[in-house]
N, C-alpha and C. Protein backbone atom coordinates (compact mmCIF):
# COMPACT_ATOMS: atom_id res chain seq x y z
N UNK A 1 101.23 67.59 41.60
CA UNK A 1 101.33 68.91 41.03
C UNK A 1 102.00 69.82 42.05
N UNK A 2 103.03 70.51 41.60
CA UNK A 2 103.71 71.48 42.45
C UNK A 2 103.26 72.88 42.03
N UNK A 3 102.81 73.67 42.99
CA UNK A 3 102.36 75.03 42.73
C UNK A 3 103.41 76.00 43.24
N UNK A 4 103.74 77.00 42.44
CA UNK A 4 104.74 78.00 42.80
C UNK A 4 104.03 79.32 43.09
N UNK A 5 104.21 79.87 44.26
CA UNK A 5 103.60 81.14 44.65
C UNK A 5 104.52 82.27 44.20
N UNK A 6 104.38 82.66 42.95
CA UNK A 6 105.31 83.59 42.32
C UNK A 6 105.12 85.03 42.77
N UNK A 7 103.89 85.53 42.76
CA UNK A 7 103.68 86.96 43.02
C UNK A 7 104.08 87.37 44.43
N UNK A 8 104.03 86.45 45.38
CA UNK A 8 104.40 86.81 46.76
C UNK A 8 105.91 86.97 46.94
N UNK A 9 106.69 86.55 45.96
CA UNK A 9 108.15 86.64 46.04
C UNK A 9 108.66 88.05 45.77
N UNK A 10 107.81 88.90 45.19
CA UNK A 10 108.20 90.28 44.90
C UNK A 10 107.43 91.18 45.85
N UNK A 11 108.17 91.88 46.70
CA UNK A 11 107.54 92.85 47.57
C UNK A 11 107.93 94.23 47.08
N UNK A 12 106.94 95.03 46.75
CA UNK A 12 107.22 96.36 46.23
C UNK A 12 107.59 96.29 44.77
N UNK A 13 108.82 96.63 44.48
CA UNK A 13 109.30 96.62 43.11
C UNK A 13 110.37 95.56 42.96
N UNK A 14 110.63 95.16 41.74
CA UNK A 14 111.66 94.17 41.49
C UNK A 14 111.15 93.01 40.67
N UNK A 15 111.95 91.94 40.66
CA UNK A 15 111.63 90.78 39.85
C UNK A 15 111.90 89.50 40.64
N UNK A 16 111.19 88.45 40.25
CA UNK A 16 111.44 87.11 40.78
C UNK A 16 111.54 86.17 39.59
N UNK A 17 112.56 85.34 39.57
CA UNK A 17 112.75 84.37 38.50
C UNK A 17 112.41 82.98 39.01
N UNK A 18 111.43 82.36 38.37
CA UNK A 18 111.10 80.97 38.64
C UNK A 18 111.85 80.15 37.60
N UNK A 19 112.89 79.47 38.05
CA UNK A 19 113.75 78.76 37.11
C UNK A 19 114.21 77.43 37.65
N UNK A 20 115.37 77.03 37.20
CA UNK A 20 115.91 75.70 37.48
C UNK A 20 116.05 75.40 38.98
N UNK A 21 116.36 76.41 39.78
CA UNK A 21 116.49 76.16 41.23
C UNK A 21 115.19 75.61 41.81
N UNK A 22 114.06 76.13 41.33
CA UNK A 22 112.76 75.70 41.86
C UNK A 22 112.18 74.51 41.08
N UNK A 23 112.38 74.52 39.75
CA UNK A 23 111.73 73.51 38.91
C UNK A 23 112.60 72.30 38.61
N UNK A 24 113.92 72.47 38.70
CA UNK A 24 114.83 71.39 38.33
C UNK A 24 115.05 71.28 36.83
N UNK A 25 114.50 72.21 36.05
CA UNK A 25 114.61 72.16 34.60
C UNK A 25 115.34 73.39 34.07
N UNK A 26 116.20 73.17 33.09
CA UNK A 26 116.90 74.27 32.42
C UNK A 26 116.23 74.63 31.09
N UNK A 27 115.10 74.00 30.77
CA UNK A 27 114.45 74.21 29.48
C UNK A 27 113.76 75.57 29.39
N UNK A 28 113.21 76.05 30.51
CA UNK A 28 112.46 77.30 30.46
C UNK A 28 112.49 77.97 31.83
N UNK A 29 112.09 79.25 31.84
CA UNK A 29 111.99 80.00 33.08
C UNK A 29 110.88 81.03 32.94
N UNK A 30 110.45 81.55 34.07
CA UNK A 30 109.42 82.58 34.09
C UNK A 30 109.88 83.67 35.04
N UNK A 31 109.71 84.89 34.62
CA UNK A 31 110.09 86.04 35.43
C UNK A 31 108.85 86.87 35.69
N UNK A 32 108.64 87.24 36.95
CA UNK A 32 107.51 88.08 37.35
C UNK A 32 108.09 89.39 37.84
N UNK A 33 107.65 90.50 37.26
CA UNK A 33 108.22 91.79 37.62
C UNK A 33 107.18 92.84 37.93
N UNK A 34 107.56 93.77 38.80
CA UNK A 34 106.71 94.91 39.16
C UNK A 34 107.53 96.18 39.00
N UNK A 35 106.99 97.13 38.25
CA UNK A 35 107.56 98.47 38.14
C UNK A 35 106.64 99.43 38.90
N UNK A 36 107.19 100.13 39.86
CA UNK A 36 106.42 101.10 40.64
C UNK A 36 106.06 102.30 39.76
N UNK A 37 105.07 103.05 40.19
CA UNK A 37 104.65 104.26 39.49
C UNK A 37 105.86 105.18 39.30
N UNK A 38 106.07 105.63 38.06
CA UNK A 38 107.16 106.55 37.76
C UNK A 38 108.54 105.90 37.65
N UNK A 39 108.65 104.60 37.87
CA UNK A 39 109.95 103.92 37.81
C UNK A 39 110.41 103.78 36.35
N UNK A 40 111.71 103.96 36.13
CA UNK A 40 112.26 103.88 34.77
C UNK A 40 113.56 103.11 34.77
N UNK A 41 113.93 102.65 33.58
CA UNK A 41 115.26 102.12 33.38
C UNK A 41 115.50 100.66 33.70
N UNK A 42 114.47 99.82 33.75
CA UNK A 42 114.68 98.40 33.97
C UNK A 42 115.02 97.74 32.64
N UNK A 43 116.20 97.13 32.54
CA UNK A 43 116.63 96.49 31.30
C UNK A 43 115.96 95.13 31.14
N UNK A 44 115.45 94.91 29.94
CA UNK A 44 114.89 93.62 29.55
C UNK A 44 115.78 93.08 28.45
N UNK A 45 116.48 91.97 28.72
CA UNK A 45 117.43 91.44 27.76
C UNK A 45 117.63 89.95 28.04
N UNK A 46 117.30 89.08 27.09
CA UNK A 46 117.44 87.65 27.33
C UNK A 46 118.90 87.20 27.50
N UNK A 47 119.78 87.71 26.69
CA UNK A 47 121.18 87.28 26.71
C UNK A 47 121.44 86.21 25.66
N UNK A 48 122.71 86.04 25.34
CA UNK A 48 123.13 85.10 24.30
C UNK A 48 122.56 83.71 24.55
N UNK A 49 121.96 83.14 23.50
CA UNK A 49 121.44 81.77 23.58
C UNK A 49 120.06 81.66 24.18
N UNK A 50 119.43 82.79 24.47
CA UNK A 50 118.09 82.77 25.06
C UNK A 50 117.12 83.61 24.24
N UNK A 51 115.83 83.33 24.42
CA UNK A 51 114.75 84.12 23.84
C UNK A 51 113.73 84.35 24.94
N UNK A 52 113.04 85.49 24.87
CA UNK A 52 112.03 85.79 25.87
C UNK A 52 110.81 86.43 25.24
N UNK A 53 109.66 86.16 25.82
CA UNK A 53 108.42 86.84 25.48
C UNK A 53 108.04 87.68 26.69
N UNK A 54 107.88 88.98 26.48
CA UNK A 54 107.54 89.92 27.56
C UNK A 54 106.07 90.29 27.40
N UNK A 55 105.29 90.09 28.46
CA UNK A 55 103.86 90.37 28.45
C UNK A 55 103.52 91.41 29.52
N UNK A 56 102.87 92.49 29.12
CA UNK A 56 102.37 93.47 30.08
C UNK A 56 101.07 92.91 30.66
N UNK A 57 101.08 92.58 31.96
CA UNK A 57 99.93 91.94 32.60
C UNK A 57 98.94 92.97 33.12
N UNK A 58 99.41 93.93 33.89
CA UNK A 58 98.53 95.00 34.38
C UNK A 58 99.23 96.32 34.19
N UNK A 59 98.65 97.19 33.40
CA UNK A 59 99.26 98.47 33.07
C UNK A 59 100.07 98.39 31.79
N UNK A 60 100.60 99.53 31.38
CA UNK A 60 101.36 99.65 30.14
C UNK A 60 102.83 99.93 30.45
N UNK A 61 103.71 99.39 29.61
CA UNK A 61 105.15 99.63 29.73
C UNK A 61 105.60 100.54 28.58
N UNK A 62 106.41 101.53 28.90
CA UNK A 62 107.03 102.36 27.88
C UNK A 62 108.40 101.77 27.58
N UNK A 63 108.64 101.41 26.32
CA UNK A 63 109.88 100.74 25.93
C UNK A 63 110.75 101.64 25.06
N UNK A 64 112.06 101.60 25.31
CA UNK A 64 113.05 102.25 24.45
C UNK A 64 114.14 101.23 24.20
N UNK A 65 114.92 101.43 23.14
CA UNK A 65 115.98 100.50 22.81
C UNK A 65 115.66 99.78 21.51
N UNK A 66 115.94 98.48 21.45
CA UNK A 66 115.68 97.70 20.24
C UNK A 66 114.19 97.64 19.90
N UNK A 67 113.34 97.73 20.89
CA UNK A 67 111.89 97.82 20.70
C UNK A 67 111.44 99.12 21.34
N UNK A 68 110.71 99.94 20.60
CA UNK A 68 110.30 101.26 21.09
C UNK A 68 108.78 101.40 21.01
N UNK A 69 108.24 102.08 21.98
CA UNK A 69 106.81 102.35 21.96
C UNK A 69 106.16 101.93 23.27
N UNK A 70 104.85 101.90 23.26
CA UNK A 70 104.08 101.53 24.44
C UNK A 70 103.62 100.09 24.27
N UNK A 71 103.98 99.25 25.22
CA UNK A 71 103.49 97.88 25.28
C UNK A 71 102.27 97.92 26.19
N UNK A 72 101.10 97.83 25.59
CA UNK A 72 99.85 97.98 26.34
C UNK A 72 99.51 96.70 27.08
N UNK A 73 98.75 96.86 28.15
CA UNK A 73 98.28 95.72 28.94
C UNK A 73 97.70 94.66 28.02
N UNK A 74 98.17 93.43 28.18
CA UNK A 74 97.70 92.32 27.35
C UNK A 74 98.52 92.10 26.09
N UNK A 75 99.47 93.00 25.79
CA UNK A 75 100.32 92.86 24.61
C UNK A 75 101.67 92.28 25.00
N UNK A 76 102.32 91.64 24.02
CA UNK A 76 103.63 91.01 24.26
C UNK A 76 104.58 91.31 23.12
N UNK A 77 105.89 91.23 23.43
CA UNK A 77 106.93 91.31 22.41
C UNK A 77 107.85 90.11 22.58
N UNK A 78 108.60 89.81 21.53
CA UNK A 78 109.55 88.70 21.52
C UNK A 78 110.96 89.27 21.42
N UNK A 79 111.83 88.94 22.36
CA UNK A 79 113.22 89.40 22.36
C UNK A 79 114.13 88.22 22.06
N UNK A 80 115.12 88.44 21.20
CA UNK A 80 116.09 87.41 20.81
C UNK A 80 117.49 87.77 21.28
N UNK A 81 118.13 86.87 22.01
CA UNK A 81 119.53 87.01 22.37
C UNK A 81 119.91 88.34 22.99
N UNK A 82 120.72 89.10 22.26
CA UNK A 82 121.26 90.35 22.78
C UNK A 82 120.35 91.55 22.55
N UNK A 83 119.16 91.34 21.96
CA UNK A 83 118.22 92.45 21.85
C UNK A 83 117.89 92.94 23.26
N UNK A 84 117.76 94.24 23.40
CA UNK A 84 117.49 94.79 24.72
C UNK A 84 116.60 96.01 24.62
N UNK A 85 115.83 96.23 25.65
CA UNK A 85 115.07 97.47 25.76
C UNK A 85 114.98 97.85 27.23
N UNK A 86 114.76 99.13 27.44
CA UNK A 86 114.54 99.63 28.79
C UNK A 86 113.04 99.81 28.97
N UNK A 87 112.54 99.33 30.10
CA UNK A 87 111.12 99.45 30.42
C UNK A 87 110.94 100.53 31.46
N UNK A 88 109.93 101.36 31.26
CA UNK A 88 109.59 102.41 32.20
C UNK A 88 108.09 102.38 32.46
N UNK A 89 107.72 102.89 33.62
CA UNK A 89 106.32 103.00 33.99
C UNK A 89 106.01 104.47 34.26
N UNK A 90 105.51 105.19 33.25
CA UNK A 90 105.21 106.60 33.45
C UNK A 90 103.89 106.85 34.17
N UNK A 91 103.14 105.82 34.47
CA UNK A 91 101.81 105.99 35.07
C UNK A 91 101.88 106.19 36.58
N UNK A 92 100.72 106.41 37.17
CA UNK A 92 100.62 106.61 38.62
C UNK A 92 100.29 105.31 39.35
N UNK A 93 100.23 104.20 38.63
CA UNK A 93 99.92 102.88 39.21
C UNK A 93 101.08 101.92 38.94
N UNK A 94 101.23 100.90 39.79
CA UNK A 94 102.23 99.86 39.55
C UNK A 94 101.89 99.11 38.27
N UNK A 95 102.91 98.64 37.59
CA UNK A 95 102.74 97.81 36.40
C UNK A 95 103.35 96.44 36.68
N UNK A 96 102.62 95.39 36.31
CA UNK A 96 103.10 94.03 36.46
C UNK A 96 103.35 93.47 35.06
N UNK A 97 104.49 92.80 34.90
CA UNK A 97 104.80 92.13 33.63
C UNK A 97 105.33 90.74 33.92
N UNK A 98 105.22 89.88 32.92
CA UNK A 98 105.71 88.51 33.02
C UNK A 98 106.59 88.25 31.81
N UNK A 99 107.70 87.57 32.04
CA UNK A 99 108.59 87.17 30.96
C UNK A 99 108.71 85.65 30.97
N UNK A 100 108.43 85.04 29.83
CA UNK A 100 108.64 83.61 29.66
C UNK A 100 109.86 83.45 28.76
N UNK A 101 110.82 82.64 29.19
CA UNK A 101 112.05 82.50 28.42
C UNK A 101 112.52 81.08 28.33
N UNK A 102 113.43 80.90 27.40
CA UNK A 102 114.04 79.58 27.20
C UNK A 102 115.24 79.70 26.28
N UNK A 103 115.77 78.56 25.92
CA UNK A 103 116.96 78.51 25.08
C UNK A 103 116.59 78.56 23.61
N UNK A 104 117.38 79.32 22.84
CA UNK A 104 117.24 79.35 21.40
C UNK A 104 117.76 78.02 20.83
N UNK A 105 117.29 77.65 19.64
CA UNK A 105 117.87 76.45 19.00
C UNK A 105 119.38 76.61 18.89
N UNK A 106 120.11 75.57 19.26
CA UNK A 106 121.58 75.59 19.31
C UNK A 106 122.10 76.72 20.18
N UNK A 107 121.30 77.09 21.16
CA UNK A 107 121.64 78.21 22.03
C UNK A 107 122.48 77.81 23.21
N UNK A 108 122.32 78.56 24.24
CA UNK A 108 123.09 78.46 25.47
C UNK A 108 123.10 77.03 26.03
N UNK A 109 124.22 76.57 26.45
CA UNK A 109 124.36 75.25 27.07
C UNK A 109 124.77 75.41 28.52
N UNK A 110 124.15 74.66 29.41
CA UNK A 110 124.51 74.71 30.84
C UNK A 110 125.44 73.57 31.15
């Protein structure tokens, strides 16, 4: 069993993608992200041939774009291809989110 220390890869704000470089597989990937208090404008977009599930792990995300509203802690949305939204953190605490993604049927080829 190989264990990946994902959360330590992000210091402060930003994202870390656990994907083919680490796993050797192009079937799926995982993204771990942190939005600092008051941070706005992080684009969430799978891209052509991909789908993603975005989960608010700790704290709430404010979403605008193709999906609008508050994504509360423990809630998730499903993004397809070119669907996009901007995530913001209007709170006074950091927000952590996780994105699980993969290829759509007949989607992106590597």
